[in-house]
Every structure is written in C-alpha cells, then in structure tokens.
C-alpha atoms as a PDB file:
ATOM      1  CA  MET A   1      27.029 -31.969 -10.416  1.00  0.00           C
ATOM      2  CA  LYS A   2      23.704 -30.179 -10.075  1.00  0.00           C
ATOM      3  CA  GLU A   3      23.107 -27.021 -12.060  1.00  0.00           C
ATOM      4  CA  ASN A   4      22.593 -23.979  -9.835  1.00  0.00           C
ATOM      5  CA  ILE A   5      19.348 -22.475 -11.128  1.00  0.00           C
ATOM      6  CA  GLU A   6      18.457 -19.029  -9.809  1.00  0.00           C
ATOM      7  CA  PRO A   7      14.771 -18.448  -9.062  1.00  0.00           C
ATOM      8  CA  ARG A   8      13.136 -16.230 -11.634  1.00  0.00           C
ATOM      9  CA  LYS A   9      12.453 -12.636 -10.651  1.00  0.00           C
ATOM     10  CA  ILE A  10       8.787 -11.815 -10.447  1.00  0.00           C
ATOM     11  CA  VAL A  11       6.425  -9.013  -9.501  1.00  0.00           C
ATOM     12  CA  ILE A  12       4.358  -9.645  -6.371  1.00  0.00           C
ATOM     13  CA  ALA A  13       1.170  -7.587  -6.047  1.00  0.00           C
ATOM     14  CA  ILE A  14      -0.584  -7.471  -2.667  1.00  0.00           C
ATOM     15  CA  ASP A  15      -3.963  -5.715  -2.654  1.00  0.00           C
ATOM     16  CA  GLY A  16      -6.656  -5.470  -0.034  1.00  0.00           C
ATOM     17  CA  TYR A  17      -8.639  -3.399   2.401  1.00  0.00           C
ATOM     18  CA  ALA A  18      -7.334  -0.685   4.698  1.00  0.00           C
ATOM     19  CA  SER A  19      -5.451  -1.853   7.810  1.00  0.00           C
ATOM     20  CA  CYS A  20      -5.292  -5.497   6.743  1.00  0.00           C
ATOM     21  CA  GLY A  21      -1.560  -5.635   7.355  1.00  0.00           C
ATOM     22  CA  LYS A  22      -0.601  -5.488   3.678  1.00  0.00           C
ATOM     23  CA  SER A  23       2.478  -3.358   4.291  1.00  0.00           C
ATOM     24  CA  THR A  24       3.710  -5.511   7.177  1.00  0.00           C
ATOM     25  CA  MET A  25       3.330  -8.634   5.065  1.00  0.00           C
ATOM     26  CA  ALA A  26       4.906  -7.103   1.969  1.00  0.00           C
ATOM     27  CA  LYS A  27       7.877  -5.607   3.849  1.00  0.00           C
ATOM     28  CA  GLU A  28       8.678  -8.897   5.559  1.00  0.00           C
ATOM     29  CA  LEU A  29       8.448 -10.890   2.343  1.00  0.00           C
ATOM     30  CA  ALA A  30      10.646  -8.415   0.470  1.00  0.00           C
ATOM     31  CA  ARG A  31      13.244  -8.536   3.229  1.00  0.00           C
ATOM     32  CA  ASN A  32      13.269 -12.339   3.298  1.00  0.00           C
ATOM     33  CA  ILE A  33      13.661 -12.825  -0.451  1.00  0.00           C
ATOM     34  CA  GLY A  34      15.863  -9.814  -1.209  1.00  0.00           C
ATOM     35  CA  TYR A  35      13.264  -7.907  -3.234  1.00  0.00           C
ATOM     36  CA  ILE A  36      12.536  -4.176  -3.311  1.00  0.00           C
ATOM     37  CA  TYR A  37       9.433  -3.156  -1.368  1.00  0.00           C
ATOM     38  CA  ILE A  38       7.224  -0.335  -2.657  1.00  0.00           C
ATOM     39  CA  ASP A  39       4.355   1.030  -0.545  1.00  0.00           C
ATOM     40  CA  SER A  40       2.007   2.458  -3.170  1.00  0.00           C
ATOM     41  CA  GLY A  41      -0.380   3.688  -0.482  1.00  0.00           C
ATOM     42  CA  ALA A  42       2.374   5.883   0.945  1.00  0.00           C
ATOM     43  CA  MET A  43       2.444   7.753  -2.371  1.00  0.00           C
ATOM     44  CA  TYR A  44      -1.235   8.668  -2.076  1.00  0.00           C
ATOM     45  CA  ARG A  45      -0.711   9.576   1.563  1.00  0.00           C
ATOM     46  CA  ALA A  46       2.146  11.891   0.561  1.00  0.00           C
ATOM     47  CA  VAL A  47      -0.073  13.707  -1.949  1.00  0.00           C
ATOM     48  CA  THR A  48      -2.775  13.947   0.731  1.00  0.00           C
ATOM     49  CA  LEU A  49      -0.266  15.438   3.171  1.00  0.00           C
ATOM     50  CA  TYR A  50       0.694  17.986   0.515  1.00  0.00           C
ATOM     51  CA  CYS A  51      -2.986  18.906   0.136  1.00  0.00           C
ATOM     52  CA  LEU A  52      -3.381  19.371   3.887  1.00  0.00           C
ATOM     53  CA  ARG A  53      -0.249  21.483   4.182  1.00  0.00           C
ATOM     54  CA  HIS A  54      -1.323  23.717   1.294  1.00  0.00           C
ATOM     55  CA  ASN A  55      -4.936  24.134   2.445  1.00  0.00           C
ATOM     56  CA  LEU A  56      -6.432  22.272  -0.497  1.00  0.00           C
ATOM     57  CA  PHE A  57      -9.223  20.894   1.678  1.00  0.00           C
ATOM     58  CA  GLU A  58     -12.259  22.906   2.716  1.00  0.00           C
ATOM     59  CA  GLY A  59     -13.593  20.599   5.398  1.00  0.00           C
ATOM     60  CA  GLU A  60     -13.939  17.269   3.602  1.00  0.00           C
ATOM     61  CA  ARG A  61     -14.091  18.893   0.152  1.00  0.00           C
ATOM     62  CA  LEU A  62     -10.934  18.700  -1.944  1.00  0.00           C
ATOM     63  CA  LEU A  63     -10.126  21.655  -4.216  1.00  0.00           C
ATOM     64  CA  VAL A  64      -9.579  19.372  -7.193  1.00  0.00           C
ATOM     65  CA  ASP A  65      -8.858  22.056  -9.796  1.00  0.00           C
ATOM     66  CA  GLU A  66      -6.207  23.650  -7.592  1.00  0.00           C
ATOM     67  CA  LEU A  67      -4.595  20.272  -6.930  1.00  0.00           C
ATOM     68  CA  GLN A  68      -4.460  19.564 -10.657  1.00  0.00           C
ATOM     69  CA  ARG A  69      -2.678  22.882 -11.221  1.00  0.00           C
ATOM     70  CA  ARG A  70      -0.117  21.914  -8.570  1.00  0.00           C
ATOM     71  CA  MET A  71       0.519  18.279  -9.522  1.00  0.00           C
ATOM     72  CA  ASP A  72       3.750  19.058 -11.389  1.00  0.00           C
ATOM     73  CA  GLU A  73       5.294  20.445  -8.199  1.00  0.00           C
ATOM     74  CA  ILE A  74       4.555  17.278  -6.187  1.00  0.00           C
ATOM     75  CA  GLU A  75       7.422  14.781  -6.235  1.00  0.00           C
ATOM     76  CA  VAL A  76       7.154  11.510  -4.330  1.00  0.00           C
ATOM     77  CA  SER A  77      10.082   9.122  -3.966  1.00  0.00           C
ATOM     78  CA  PHE A  78      11.602   6.664  -1.508  1.00  0.00           C
ATOM     79  CA  ALA A  79      14.878   6.571   0.406  1.00  0.00           C
ATOM     80  CA  LEU A  80      16.332   3.564   2.193  1.00  0.00           C
ATOM     81  CA  ASN A  81      16.618   3.900   5.968  1.00  0.00           C
ATOM     82  CA  PRO A  82      20.036   2.361   6.733  1.00  0.00           C
ATOM     83  CA  ALA A  83      18.982   1.505  10.295  1.00  0.00           C
ATOM     84  CA  THR A  84      15.914  -0.522   9.297  1.00  0.00           C
ATOM     85  CA  GLY A  85      16.851  -1.492   5.755  1.00  0.00           C
ATOM     86  CA  ARG A  86      13.415  -0.342   4.595  1.00  0.00           C
ATOM     87  CA  PRO A  87      12.339   2.471   2.259  1.00  0.00           C
ATOM     88  CA  GLU A  88      10.766   5.621   3.676  1.00  0.00           C
ATOM     89  CA  THR A  89       8.591   8.148   1.895  1.00  0.00           C
ATOM     90  CA  ILE A  90      10.046  11.408   0.594  1.00  0.00           C
ATOM     91  CA  LEU A  91       7.812  14.336  -0.402  1.00  0.00           C
ATOM     92  CA  ASN A  92       9.599  17.104  -2.292  1.00  0.00           C
ATOM     93  CA  GLY A  93      12.885  16.234  -0.626  1.00  0.00           C
ATOM     94  CA  GLU A  94      11.495  15.855   2.931  1.00  0.00           C
ATOM     95  CA  ASN A  95      11.170  12.565   4.790  1.00  0.00           C
ATOM     96  CA  VAL A  96       7.476  12.410   5.697  1.00  0.00           C
ATOM     97  CA  GLU A  97       7.232   8.740   6.706  1.00  0.00           C
ATOM     98  CA  GLN A  98       5.810   9.573  10.149  1.00  0.00           C
ATOM     99  CA  ASP A  99       3.669  12.518   9.072  1.00  0.00           C
ATOM    100  CA  ILE A 100       1.707  10.492   6.491  1.00  0.00           C
ATOM    101  CA  ARG A 101       0.590   7.892   9.056  1.00  0.00           C
ATOM    102  CA  GLY A 102      -1.610  10.125  11.242  1.00  0.00           C
ATOM    103  CA  MET A 103      -5.406  10.218  11.323  1.00  0.00           C
ATOM    104  CA  ALA A 104      -5.609  13.554   9.498  1.00  0.00           C
ATOM    105  CA  VAL A 105      -4.123  11.893   6.415  1.00  0.00           C
ATOM    106  CA  SER A 106      -5.985   8.593   6.944  1.00  0.00           C
ATOM    107  CA  GLN A 107      -9.316  10.415   6.992  1.00  0.00           C
ATOM    108  CA  ARG A 108      -8.734  12.023   3.592  1.00  0.00           C
ATOM    109  CA  VAL A 109      -6.413   9.768   1.608  1.00  0.00           C
ATOM    110  CA  SER A 110      -9.251   7.845  -0.083  1.00  0.00           C
ATOM    111  CA  ILE A 111     -10.648  11.153  -1.360  1.00  0.00           C
ATOM    112  CA  VAL A 112      -7.334  12.051  -2.982  1.00  0.00           C
ATOM    113  CA  ALA A 113      -6.785   8.504  -4.270  1.00  0.00           C
ATOM    114  CA  ALA A 114     -10.113   8.605  -6.117  1.00  0.00           C
ATOM    115  CA  ILE A 115      -8.956  11.476  -8.367  1.00  0.00           C
ATOM    116  CA  GLY A 116      -8.118  10.295 -11.892  1.00  0.00           C
ATOM    117  CA  PHE A 117      -5.142  12.555 -12.607  1.00  0.00           C
ATOM    118  CA  VAL A 118      -3.569  11.679  -9.253  1.00  0.00           C
ATOM    119  CA  ARG A 119      -3.882   7.966  -9.958  1.00  0.00           C
ATOM    120  CA  ARG A 120      -2.500   8.314 -13.488  1.00  0.00           C
ATOM    121  CA  LYS A 121       0.630  10.082 -12.275  1.00  0.00           C
ATOM    122  CA  LEU A 122       1.314   7.685  -9.421  1.00  0.00           C
ATOM    123  CA  VAL A 123       0.480   4.524 -11.393  1.00  0.00           C
ATOM    124  CA  ALA A 124       2.992   5.575 -14.065  1.00  0.00           C
ATOM    125  CA  LEU A 125       5.620   6.044 -11.354  1.00  0.00           C
ATOM    126  CA  GLN A 126       4.779   2.672  -9.801  1.00  0.00           C
ATOM    127  CA  GLN A 127       5.045   0.919 -13.157  1.00  0.00           C
ATOM    128  CA  ALA A 128       8.431   2.512 -13.772  1.00  0.00           C
ATOM    129  CA  LEU A 129       9.663   1.303 -10.384  1.00  0.00           C
ATOM    130  CA  GLY A 130       8.614  -2.254 -11.201  1.00  0.00           C
ATOM    131  CA  ARG A 131       9.981  -2.495 -14.718  1.00  0.00           C
ATOM    132  CA  GLU A 132      12.985  -4.588 -13.690  1.00  0.00           C
ATOM    133  CA  LYS A 133      10.839  -6.951 -11.570  1.00  0.00           C
ATOM    134  CA  GLY A 134      12.105  -8.289  -8.251  1.00  0.00           C
ATOM    135  CA  ILE A 135       9.639  -6.105  -6.332  1.00  0.00           C
ATOM    136  CA  VAL A 136       6.822  -6.485  -3.822  1.00  0.00           C
ATOM    137  CA  MET A 137       4.202  -3.740  -4.049  1.00  0.00           C
ATOM    138  CA  ASP A 138       1.073  -3.352  -1.966  1.00  0.00           C
ATOM    139  CA  GLY A 139      -1.967  -1.146  -2.408  1.00  0.00           C
ATOM    140  CA  ARG A 140      -5.545  -1.160  -3.680  1.00  0.00           C
ATOM    141  CA  ASP A 141      -5.152  -1.692  -7.434  1.00  0.00           C
ATOM    142  CA  ILE A 142      -1.713  -3.229  -7.936  1.00  0.00           C
ATOM    143  CA  GLY A 143      -2.947  -6.526  -9.374  1.00  0.00           C
ATOM    144  CA  THR A 144      -5.735  -4.940 -11.426  1.00  0.00           C
ATOM    145  CA  ALA A 145      -4.364  -1.636 -12.757  1.00  0.00           C
ATOM    146  CA  VAL A 146      -0.664  -1.210 -11.968  1.00  0.00           C
ATOM    147  CA  PHE A 147       0.624  -4.719 -12.702  1.00  0.00           C
ATOM    148  CA  PRO A 148      -2.217  -6.748 -14.262  1.00  0.00           C
ATOM    149  CA  ASP A 149       0.414  -9.251 -15.471  1.00  0.00           C
ATOM    150  CA  ALA A 150       2.071  -9.733 -12.067  1.00  0.00           C
ATOM    151  CA  GLU A 151       3.136 -13.327 -11.583  1.00  0.00           C
ATOM    152  CA  LEU A 152       1.832 -13.496  -8.008  1.00  0.00           C
ATOM    153  CA  LYS A 153      -1.251 -11.616  -6.837  1.00  0.00           C
ATOM    154  CA  ILE A 154      -2.639 -11.678  -3.309  1.00  0.00           C
ATOM    155  CA  PHE A 155      -5.904 -10.112  -2.135  1.00  0.00           C
ATOM    156  CA  LEU A 156      -5.920  -9.572   1.619  1.00  0.00           C
ATOM    157  CA  THR A 157      -9.001  -9.086   3.761  1.00  0.00           C
ATOM    158  CA  ALA A 158     -10.131  -9.144   7.403  1.00  0.00           C
ATOM    159  CA  SER A 159     -13.227  -7.983   9.272  1.00  0.00           C
ATOM    160  CA  PRO A 160     -13.562  -4.196   9.836  1.00  0.00           C
ATOM    161  CA  GLU A 161     -13.491  -4.710  13.607  1.00  0.00           C
ATOM    162  CA  VAL A 162     -10.241  -6.666  13.492  1.00  0.00           C
ATOM    163  CA  ARG A 163      -8.681  -4.094  11.185  1.00  0.00           C
ATOM    164  CA  ALA A 164      -9.735  -1.193  13.393  1.00  0.00           C
ATOM    165  CA  ARG A 165      -8.267  -2.833  16.494  1.00  0.00           C
ATOM    166  CA  ARG A 166      -4.972  -3.471  14.687  1.00  0.00           C
ATOM    167  CA  ARG A 167      -4.833   0.137  13.536  1.00  0.00           C
ATOM    168  CA  VAL A 168      -5.482   1.447  17.062  1.00  0.00           C
ATOM    169  CA  ASP A 169      -2.771  -0.809  18.488  1.00  0.00           C
ATOM    170  CA  GLU A 170      -0.331   0.387  15.814  1.00  0.00           C
ATOM    171  CA  MET A 171      -1.057   4.060  16.493  1.00  0.00           C
ATOM    172  CA  THR A 172      -0.860   3.600  20.264  1.00  0.00           C
ATOM    173  CA  ALA A 173       2.515   1.884  19.923  1.00  0.00           C
ATOM    174  CA  LYS A 174       3.749   4.976  18.069  1.00  0.00           C
ATOM    175  CA  GLY A 175       2.500   7.276  20.826  1.00  0.00           C
ATOM    176  CA  GLN A 176      -0.408   8.623  18.761  1.00  0.00           C
ATOM    177  CA  ASP A 177      -3.874   9.232  20.187  1.00  0.00           C
ATOM    178  CA  ALA A 178      -6.401   6.757  18.806  1.00  0.00           C
ATOM    179  CA  SER A 179     -10.127   6.219  19.353  1.00  0.00           C
ATOM    180  CA  TYR A 180     -11.398   2.747  18.380  1.00  0.00           C
ATOM    181  CA  GLU A 181     -14.800   4.133  17.334  1.00  0.00           C
ATOM    182  CA  GLU A 182     -13.202   6.837  15.185  1.00  0.00           C
ATOM    183  CA  VAL A 183     -10.801   4.385  13.563  1.00  0.00           C
ATOM    184  CA  LEU A 184     -13.575   1.833  12.892  1.00  0.00           C
ATOM    185  CA  HIS A 185     -15.686   4.529  11.236  1.00  0.00           C
ATOM    186  CA  ASN A 186     -12.676   5.576   9.141  1.00  0.00           C
ATOM    187  CA  VAL A 187     -11.979   1.975   8.073  1.00  0.00           C
ATOM    188  CA  LYS A 188     -15.570   1.436   6.909  1.00  0.00           C
ATOM    189  CA  GLU A 189     -15.680   4.804   5.171  1.00  0.00           C
ATOM    190  CA  ARG A 190     -12.415   4.103   3.326  1.00  0.00           C
ATOM    191  CA  ASP A 191     -13.731   0.687   2.261  1.00  0.00           C
ATOM    192  CA  HIS A 192     -16.814   2.316   0.729  1.00  0.00           C
ATOM    193  CA  ILE A 193     -14.833   5.016  -1.080  1.00  0.00           C
ATOM    194  CA  ASP A 194     -12.234   2.541  -2.347  1.00  0.00           C
ATOM    195  CA  GLU A 195     -14.842   0.087  -3.648  1.00  0.00           C
ATOM    196  CA  THR A 196     -17.072   2.666  -5.344  1.00  0.00           C
ATOM    197  CA  ARG A 197     -14.596   5.138  -6.851  1.00  0.00           C
ATOM    198  CA  ALA A 198     -14.898   5.610 -10.611  1.00  0.00           C
ATOM    199  CA  VAL A 199     -11.199   5.091 -11.379  1.00  0.00           C
ATOM    200  CA  ASP A 200      -9.581   1.717 -10.575  1.00  0.00           C
ATOM    201  CA  PRO A 201     -11.853   0.719  -7.675  1.00  0.00           C
ATOM    202  CA  LEU A 202     -10.678  -1.790  -5.092  1.00  0.00           C
ATOM    203  CA  ARG A 203     -11.543  -5.296  -6.270  1.00  0.00           C
ATOM    204  CA  ARG A 204      -9.977  -8.715  -6.283  1.00  0.00           C
ATOM    205  CA  ALA A 205      -8.277  -9.583  -9.563  1.00  0.00           C
ATOM    206  CA  ASP A 206      -9.649 -12.729 -11.169  1.00  0.00           C
ATOM    207  CA  ASP A 207      -6.313 -14.518 -10.711  1.00  0.00           C
ATOM    208  CA  ALA A 208      -5.527 -13.207  -7.212  1.00  0.00           C
ATOM    209  CA  LEU A 209      -5.268 -15.587  -4.257  1.00  0.00           C
ATOM    210  CA  LEU A 210      -7.645 -14.619  -1.438  1.00  0.00           C
ATOM    211  CA  LEU A 211      -6.324 -14.539   2.124  1.00  0.00           C
ATOM    212  CA  ASP A 212      -8.533 -13.666   5.099  1.00  0.00           C
ATOM    213  CA  ASN A 213      -6.089 -13.077   7.942  1.00  0.00           C
ATOM    214  CA  SER A 214      -8.667 -12.155  10.616  1.00  0.00           C
ATOM    215  CA  ALA A 215      -7.657 -15.109  12.782  1.00  0.00           C
ATOM    216  CA  MET A 216      -4.064 -15.563  11.613  1.00  0.00           C
ATOM    217  CA  THR A 217      -0.853 -14.610  13.354  1.00  0.00           C
ATOM    218  CA  ILE A 218       1.777 -12.652  11.458  1.00  0.00           C
ATOM    219  CA  ALA A 219       3.992 -15.744  11.474  1.00  0.00           C
ATOM    220  CA  GLU A 220       1.227 -17.865   9.945  1.00  0.00           C
ATOM    221  CA  GLN A 221       0.492 -15.431   7.142  1.00  0.00           C
ATOM    222  CA  ASN A 222       4.199 -14.974   6.397  1.00  0.00           C
ATOM    223  CA  GLU A 223       4.603 -18.735   6.129  1.00  0.00           C
ATOM    224  CA  TRP A 224       1.620 -18.935   3.782  1.00  0.00           C
ATOM    225  CA  LEU A 225       2.927 -16.111   1.609  1.00  0.00           C
ATOM    226  CA  MET A 226       6.434 -17.571   1.404  1.00  0.00           C
ATOM    227  CA  LYS A 227       4.939 -20.848   0.218  1.00  0.00           C
ATOM    228  CA  GLN A 228       3.092 -19.033  -2.590  1.00  0.00           C
ATOM    229  CA  TYR A 229       6.249 -17.150  -3.585  1.00  0.00           C
ATOM    230  CA  ARG A 230       8.348 -20.327  -3.736  1.00  0.00           C
ATOM    231  CA  ARG A 231       5.714 -22.037  -5.860  1.00  0.00           C
ATOM    232  CA  VAL A 232       5.454 -19.230  -8.413  1.00  0.00           C
ATOM    233  CA  ALA A 233       9.212 -18.485  -8.505  1.00  0.00           C
ATOM    234  CA  GLY A 234       9.953 -22.144  -9.168  1.00  0.00           C
ATOM    235  CA  ILE A 235      11.809 -22.849  -5.930  1.00  0.00           C
ATOM    236  CA  ARG A 236      11.585 -26.455  -4.801  1.00  0.00           C
ATOM    237  CA  GLU A 237      10.755 -27.163  -1.173  1.00  0.00           C
END
C-alpha cells in the first residue's frame, strides 16, 4: 500500500513589470492548487486611492509628510468574494476593488509605492499574511524583499507594447475609457519609477525563474507555471 504523501506547502512569489499579467497568473494558480492569493499591488493602489480621495496630491507631487501623519488611519485588508472565490481589496472597511483599477490610480501608484514608510508598513502586513505558507503573492519585490526565502520565485516580463495593449483590452472590457498611447506612456513611466526607486526597486531575484510571456497564451503560461509548482512542491508527474 502506497503512503499518501501530501505536497509540502510553499510560498510562491511572482514579480515583474506592470501589466504583465502577474495577477491573472497568480489568481489562476492559487485557485488550481488551493492556495491563498494575495495581490500586493492592490495594497499600494488602495493607499494611492486614499491619497487621491484626501487631496494628498498637488498635481503629480505627493504630500509625503501629510501622508506619513495619516498612515495609522489607513487600513488595507482583503475579503473573499463568494461569487468569484477570489479576494477583493478593502480600504478602511470599504470594498474598493473596482476603484483602485482606474487610470487615476495607475498614474500615481508608483509614486506612492516608492515611499519608504509606505513600503515598510505594507511589507510587514504581507509577511504576516504569508507566515503560514500556502500562498501565492504577486508584486514588484515579493521575491527580493517580502519573501526572499520563497521556495518558488517567478519574474515575469513582456514588451511595453504588448503590456499596454493588454491593459487597454482589460480596461475596455470593464467599460472604462482607455487610450493606447496614454497607457503605453504610463507603462513605461511606471517601469522607470519601479526600477530606479531607492527602496526595494524592481529587479529579478538571483534565484527567480524568468518568463517572457509576450508571445504566450494564458493557457501556455499557466501550464508552465503549474509544472514549476509541481517540481518545487515535490509532486510527481
């Protein structure tokens, strides 16, 4: 009689550039293997939405000192949507999942995410969420700063043009106005800010697997990712 060996629980960190499809990939993997999915980028978007709602931007300039004074009153959490089975973002008790996905937030989230005290608070929360393992988390610094010891690290990339087109298609499907030129500019600008920020810049961890999905279908990348998960979790084919 064969011994029934459960696969070991691991932390899966998926990092990469804006609009690469990290969240789509991470959500699908988590659903397929019964893990908890955490969208770290949604946390930064929620703080950005707070800043917009409380007039903490003067044009493109963030009132950093005022935000620091208010950080203790910003609470970000997740609640499971029973219809989709996926977590949605909660800001101070309000479901803001749709509000954080608009261009107003996209244009400023990299500015907020570059602030040291913002990152420290949210990284601590992310680490607490992953303490029991069995999670898939995506973002910009999950494999380098949040979970440097994650058992499986993926770094996702695609050309800016491909990413911009995907983002426009996603926004259009949700009934949001989207200009390809504006989105492409935003994608390139976010790349520059993410790569050059002083605190935890976007970079590929030394032990992260690189995946360029520019020419891949969602089914192909999901198959590739599942293969990596099975290998690391010790599941035989």
